[in-house]
Amino acid sequence: MPLDLPSKLRDTPIDGHPIAPCEIPFTSGANRLKGWLHVPPGTGPFPCLITNHGSGISQGTEDISRPGTASLLMSWGIASFLPHRRGYGASEGVAWRDEVTAPYGTDDYDSQLADRLDAESDDVLAALDVVAALPEIDSRHIGVMGSSFGGTTTLLAASKTNRFTCAIDFAGAAMNWDRTPGLRRLMTAAALRLTMPVFFIQAANDYSIRPTIELAAALAGTGSIMQSRVFPAFGVNAHEGHLLESQGPTVWSAEVRWFLERYL
């Protein structure tokens, strides 16, 4: 979004408004998937973020709609859509651990994981098609955001289209980066193909902060609009640091809102 245009964000009181999304079924290839749409109170159409979950939403889980992040976005006047990608949560498909079967750290694991996450990014593009057609969503202002595997699929999906206005990658591949050179190459090539502004974010005590450092370095001097931030440690261990997106919005909300004010 050019800087000379007014922001689509607006402060939106959500006190008394249910943080309860509607379920939207959709398809991606042969897979029947489900996603959850949160819409702010007021009159649309609203700007929207597609928010991508990590690997923790297993099939059958009751962790369905991630209302914490959604409520923050709603308070900024932003709708959000959380698609359950293939093999996760309420969606059909093969679970990722049933496709990525090689031992961790091996070349086969690296290749299988890269292929799987690249395929999952097509589910994000299918979600974009669904959201862009909704009357309550402003199809000119749709961004994409995710954490962990969701950060990786955010980056990969954004590299395949120019329809997103911006992308935010929280800790994409942080648990795998140091042992998966093929995935690193895939993500770096994706970052270099981006046509929209991107923001890379991690906590300093994440499993590895190399994704943010190295992806930002790859884009430095290319003319791309890129922002990156490694926040101070969040929690007492790498797992807690890895959960910065879902557990630490008070840490990152000001900088993410600044980014969205300009580019969503």
Protein backbone atom coordinates (compact mmCIF):
# COMPACT_ATOMS: atom_id res chain seq x y z
CA MET A 1 0.00 0.00 0.00
CA PRO A 2 1.59 3.32 -1.00
CA LEU A 3 2.42 5.62 1.88
CA ASP A 4 0.38 8.51 0.45
CA LEU A 5 -2.90 6.60 0.80
CA PRO A 6 -4.92 6.68 4.03
CA SER A 7 -4.70 3.66 6.29
CA LYS A 8 -7.55 1.18 6.18
CA LEU A 9 -7.13 0.54 9.92
CA ARG A 10 -9.38 2.18 12.45
CA ASP A 11 -9.72 1.83 16.22
CA THR A 12 -12.74 -0.39 16.78
CA PRO A 13 -14.22 -0.98 20.25
CA ILE A 14 -14.88 -4.70 20.70
CA ASP A 15 -16.20 -4.63 24.27
CA GLY A 16 -19.38 -6.69 24.29
CA HIS A 17 -18.77 -7.99 20.77
CA PRO A 18 -18.48 -11.80 20.61
CA ILE A 19 -15.08 -13.01 19.42
CA ALA A 20 -16.81 -15.87 17.68
CA PRO A 21 -16.02 -16.58 14.02
CA CYS A 22 -18.09 -18.18 11.31
CA GLU A 23 -16.91 -21.43 9.77
CA ILE A 24 -16.25 -21.39 6.03
CA PRO A 25 -15.58 -24.63 4.14
CA PHE A 26 -13.44 -24.50 1.01
CA THR A 27 -11.36 -26.77 -1.19
CA SER A 28 -7.72 -26.87 -2.16
CA GLY A 29 -6.99 -29.42 -4.84
CA ALA A 30 -8.59 -32.67 -3.71
CA ASN A 31 -8.76 -31.63 -0.06
CA ARG A 32 -11.86 -30.31 1.67
CA LEU A 33 -10.70 -27.73 4.19
CA LYS A 34 -12.26 -25.45 6.80
CA GLY A 35 -11.41 -21.95 7.96
CA TRP A 36 -12.71 -19.46 10.50
CA LEU A 37 -13.57 -15.86 9.68
CA HIS A 38 -13.53 -13.14 12.38
CA VAL A 39 -15.16 -9.86 11.34
CA PRO A 40 -14.98 -6.63 13.39
CA PRO A 41 -18.16 -4.85 14.48
CA GLY A 42 -19.29 -2.07 12.20
CA THR A 43 -19.81 -1.67 8.51
CA GLY A 44 -17.48 -3.29 6.01
CA PRO A 45 -15.94 -4.12 3.74
CA PHE A 46 -12.92 -4.64 6.00
CA PRO A 47 -9.24 -5.17 5.28
CA CYS A 48 -8.27 -8.72 6.14
CA LEU A 49 -5.32 -10.84 7.19
CA ILE A 50 -5.12 -14.53 6.42
CA THR A 51 -3.50 -15.90 9.58
CA ASN A 52 -1.61 -19.18 9.28
CA HIS A 53 -1.23 -21.60 12.17
CA GLY A 54 1.85 -23.63 13.02
CA SER A 55 2.14 -27.40 13.27
CA GLY A 56 0.37 -27.64 16.63
CA ILE A 57 -3.23 -27.69 15.34
CA SER A 58 -3.57 -31.46 15.07
CA GLN A 59 -6.63 -33.10 13.61
CA GLY A 60 -9.31 -33.35 16.26
CA THR A 61 -7.92 -30.50 18.36
CA GLU A 62 -10.18 -28.07 20.21
CA ASP A 63 -7.71 -25.26 19.45
CA ILE A 64 -9.84 -24.13 16.54
CA SER A 65 -10.01 -20.41 15.78
CA ARG A 66 -7.17 -18.60 17.64
CA PRO A 67 -9.44 -15.83 19.01
CA GLY A 68 -6.60 -14.04 20.82
CA THR A 69 -4.82 -12.78 17.72
CA ALA A 70 -8.15 -12.31 15.96
CA SER A 71 -9.48 -10.05 18.71
CA LEU A 72 -6.43 -7.79 18.50
CA LEU A 73 -6.87 -7.46 14.74
CA MET A 74 -10.59 -6.79 15.18
CA SER A 75 -9.78 -3.94 17.56
CA TRP A 76 -7.81 -2.39 14.67
CA GLY A 77 -10.74 -2.82 12.27
CA ILE A 78 -9.17 -5.83 10.53
CA ALA A 79 -10.99 -9.05 9.70
CA SER A 80 -9.02 -12.29 9.81
CA PHE A 81 -9.38 -15.74 8.32
CA LEU A 82 -7.64 -18.76 9.85
CA PRO A 83 -7.56 -21.66 7.36
CA HIS A 84 -6.82 -25.12 8.64
CA ARG A 85 -4.45 -26.41 6.00
CA ARG A 86 -4.51 -29.98 4.72
CA GLY A 87 -4.14 -32.57 7.47
CA TYR A 88 -4.64 -30.14 10.36
CA GLY A 89 -7.47 -29.39 12.75
CA ALA A 90 -10.89 -29.77 11.12
CA SER A 91 -9.57 -30.17 7.58
CA GLU A 92 -9.16 -33.30 5.53
CA GLY A 93 -5.85 -34.57 4.26
CA VAL A 94 -2.74 -36.40 5.35
CA ALA A 95 -1.08 -35.09 8.51
CA TRP A 96 2.35 -33.59 7.91
CA ARG A 97 4.12 -36.17 10.09
CA ASP A 98 2.70 -38.92 7.89
CA GLU A 99 4.35 -37.33 4.85
CA VAL A 100 7.57 -36.19 6.51
CA THR A 101 8.69 -39.57 7.79
CA ALA A 102 12.47 -39.44 7.41
CA PRO A 103 14.64 -38.94 10.52
CA TYR A 104 15.07 -35.31 11.56
CA GLY A 105 18.23 -33.73 10.21
CA THR A 106 18.60 -36.04 7.21
CA ASP A 107 18.55 -34.96 3.58
CA ASP A 108 15.31 -36.89 3.07
CA TYR A 109 13.67 -35.08 5.98
CA ASP A 110 14.74 -31.75 4.50
CA SER A 111 13.36 -32.62 1.06
CA GLN A 112 10.10 -34.05 2.42
CA LEU A 113 9.48 -31.06 4.69
CA ALA A 114 10.18 -28.52 1.93
CA ASP A 115 7.79 -30.33 -0.42
CA ARG A 116 5.10 -30.57 2.23
CA LEU A 117 5.22 -26.91 3.25
CA ASP A 118 5.28 -25.80 -0.37
CA ALA A 119 2.12 -27.84 -0.96
CA GLU A 120 0.52 -26.36 2.15
CA SER A 121 1.16 -22.88 0.80
CA ASP A 122 -1.27 -23.70 -2.02
CA ASP A 123 -3.96 -24.07 0.67
CA VAL A 124 -3.20 -20.48 1.72
CA LEU A 125 -3.76 -19.35 -1.87
CA ALA A 126 -7.06 -21.26 -1.94
CA ALA A 127 -8.02 -19.42 1.25
CA LEU A 128 -7.18 -16.13 -0.47
CA ASP A 129 -9.61 -16.97 -3.27
CA VAL A 130 -12.37 -17.63 -0.73
CA VAL A 131 -11.77 -14.51 1.33
CA ALA A 132 -11.42 -12.18 -1.65
CA ALA A 133 -14.89 -13.16 -2.85
CA LEU A 134 -16.64 -12.33 0.45
CA PRO A 135 -18.73 -9.12 0.42
CA GLU A 136 -17.57 -8.15 3.93
CA ILE A 137 -13.91 -8.20 2.86
CA ASP A 138 -12.11 -5.50 0.87
CA SER A 139 -10.32 -7.63 -1.71
CA ARG A 140 -7.87 -4.78 -2.43
CA HIS A 141 -6.50 -4.98 1.13
CA ILE A 142 -5.71 -8.57 2.07
CA GLY A 143 -2.44 -9.45 3.77
CA VAL A 144 -1.03 -12.71 5.09
CA MET A 145 0.58 -13.55 8.43
CA GLY A 146 1.68 -16.71 10.22
CA SER A 147 3.99 -18.26 12.77
CA SER A 148 6.34 -21.27 12.65
CA PHE A 149 5.09 -23.56 9.83
CA GLY A 150 2.51 -20.81 9.31
CA GLY A 151 5.32 -18.30 8.85
CA THR A 152 6.93 -20.54 6.26
CA THR A 153 3.68 -21.07 4.36
CA THR A 154 3.01 -17.33 4.57
CA LEU A 155 6.29 -16.62 2.82
CA LEU A 156 5.86 -19.35 0.22
CA ALA A 157 2.28 -18.38 -0.60
CA ALA A 158 3.15 -14.69 -0.85
CA SER A 159 5.90 -15.52 -3.33
CA LYS A 160 3.37 -17.14 -5.68
CA THR A 161 1.01 -14.18 -6.09
CA ASN A 162 0.89 -10.39 -6.18
CA ARG A 163 -2.59 -10.28 -4.64
CA PHE A 164 -1.46 -9.92 -1.02
CA THR A 165 -0.67 -6.35 0.00
CA CYS A 166 1.84 -7.42 2.69
CA ALA A 167 3.24 -10.44 4.52
CA ILE A 168 4.34 -11.01 8.14
CA ASP A 169 6.48 -14.05 8.94
CA PHE A 170 6.82 -14.90 12.63
CA ALA A 171 9.55 -17.48 13.23
CA GLY A 172 9.10 -19.35 9.97
CA ALA A 173 11.20 -22.57 10.06
CA ALA A 174 12.90 -21.57 13.32
CA MET A 175 12.79 -25.16 14.60
CA ASN A 176 14.24 -26.55 11.37
CA TRP A 177 16.40 -23.85 9.79
CA ASP A 178 19.77 -25.02 11.12
CA ARG A 179 19.29 -28.58 9.80
CA THR A 180 17.42 -28.07 6.52
CA PRO A 181 19.51 -26.41 3.79
CA GLY A 182 16.95 -27.27 1.13
CA LEU A 183 14.17 -25.55 3.04
CA ARG A 184 16.45 -22.56 3.59
CA ARG A 185 17.04 -22.29 -0.16
CA LEU A 186 13.32 -22.60 -0.88
CA MET A 187 12.43 -19.85 1.58
CA THR A 188 15.24 -17.55 0.48
CA ALA A 189 14.21 -17.90 -3.17
CA ALA A 190 10.62 -17.19 -2.13
CA ALA A 191 11.65 -14.05 -0.26
CA LEU A 192 13.50 -12.79 -3.32
CA ARG A 193 10.37 -13.22 -5.46
CA LEU A 194 8.10 -11.17 -3.18
CA THR A 195 6.34 -8.20 -4.74
CA MET A 196 4.85 -6.90 -1.47
CA PRO A 197 6.35 -5.55 1.78
CA VAL A 198 7.39 -8.21 4.28
CA PHE A 199 8.10 -8.16 8.02
CA PHE A 200 10.23 -10.88 9.64
CA ILE A 201 9.77 -11.25 13.43
CA GLN A 202 11.20 -13.48 16.16
CA ALA A 203 12.09 -13.51 19.83
CA ALA A 204 15.79 -13.68 20.69
CA ASN A 205 15.38 -16.99 22.53
CA ASP A 206 13.60 -18.81 19.68
CA TYR A 207 15.08 -22.12 18.54
CA SER A 208 17.08 -20.24 15.91
CA ILE A 209 16.97 -16.59 14.90
CA ARG A 210 18.85 -17.30 11.69
CA PRO A 211 15.62 -17.22 9.61
CA THR A 212 14.97 -13.56 10.43
CA ILE A 213 18.62 -12.54 10.18
CA GLU A 214 19.40 -14.37 6.97
CA LEU A 215 16.16 -13.64 5.11
CA ALA A 216 16.47 -9.96 5.97
CA ALA A 217 20.08 -10.02 4.77
CA ALA A 218 19.04 -11.68 1.51
CA LEU A 219 16.63 -8.81 0.79
CA ALA A 220 18.95 -6.02 1.88
CA GLY A 221 19.88 -3.84 -1.08
CA THR A 222 17.34 -5.41 -3.44
CA GLY A 223 14.91 -2.51 -3.29
CA SER A 224 12.28 -4.66 -1.60
CA ILE A 225 10.28 -3.13 1.25
CA MET A 226 11.42 -5.23 4.18
CA GLN A 227 11.28 -4.85 7.94
CA SER A 228 12.77 -7.21 10.51
CA ARG A 229 12.88 -7.33 14.29
CA VAL A 230 14.35 -9.77 16.79
CA PHE A 231 12.61 -8.90 20.04
CA PRO A 232 14.22 -9.57 23.42
CA ALA A 233 13.77 -13.01 24.95
CA PHE A 234 10.18 -14.05 25.57
CA GLY A 235 9.84 -16.58 28.39
CA VAL A 236 12.46 -18.90 29.81
CA ASN A 237 13.14 -21.30 26.96
CA ALA A 238 13.15 -21.70 23.19
CA HIS A 239 9.61 -23.09 23.09
CA GLU A 240 8.17 -20.05 24.84
CA GLY A 241 10.21 -17.76 22.62
CA HIS A 242 8.84 -19.59 19.59
CA LEU A 243 5.28 -18.77 20.71
CA LEU A 244 5.80 -15.00 20.54
CA GLU A 245 3.09 -14.47 17.92
CA SER A 246 0.27 -16.19 19.81
CA GLN A 247 1.35 -15.45 23.38
CA GLY A 248 3.04 -12.06 23.14
CA PRO A 249 0.91 -9.55 21.23
CA THR A 250 1.63 -6.87 23.85
CA VAL A 251 5.28 -7.17 22.76
CA TRP A 252 4.82 -6.93 19.00
CA SER A 253 1.49 -5.16 18.50
CA ALA A 254 2.85 -1.61 18.17
CA GLU A 255 5.37 -2.48 15.44
CA VAL A 256 2.98 -4.77 13.58
CA ARG A 257 0.27 -2.11 13.64
CA TRP A 258 2.78 0.44 12.29
CA PHE A 259 3.54 -1.96 9.44
CA LEU A 260 -0.12 -2.68 8.72
CA GLU A 261 -1.02 1.03 8.83
CA ARG A 262 1.33 1.52 5.89
CA TYR A 263 1.00 -1.61 3.84
CA LEU A 264 -2.31 -3.41 4.47
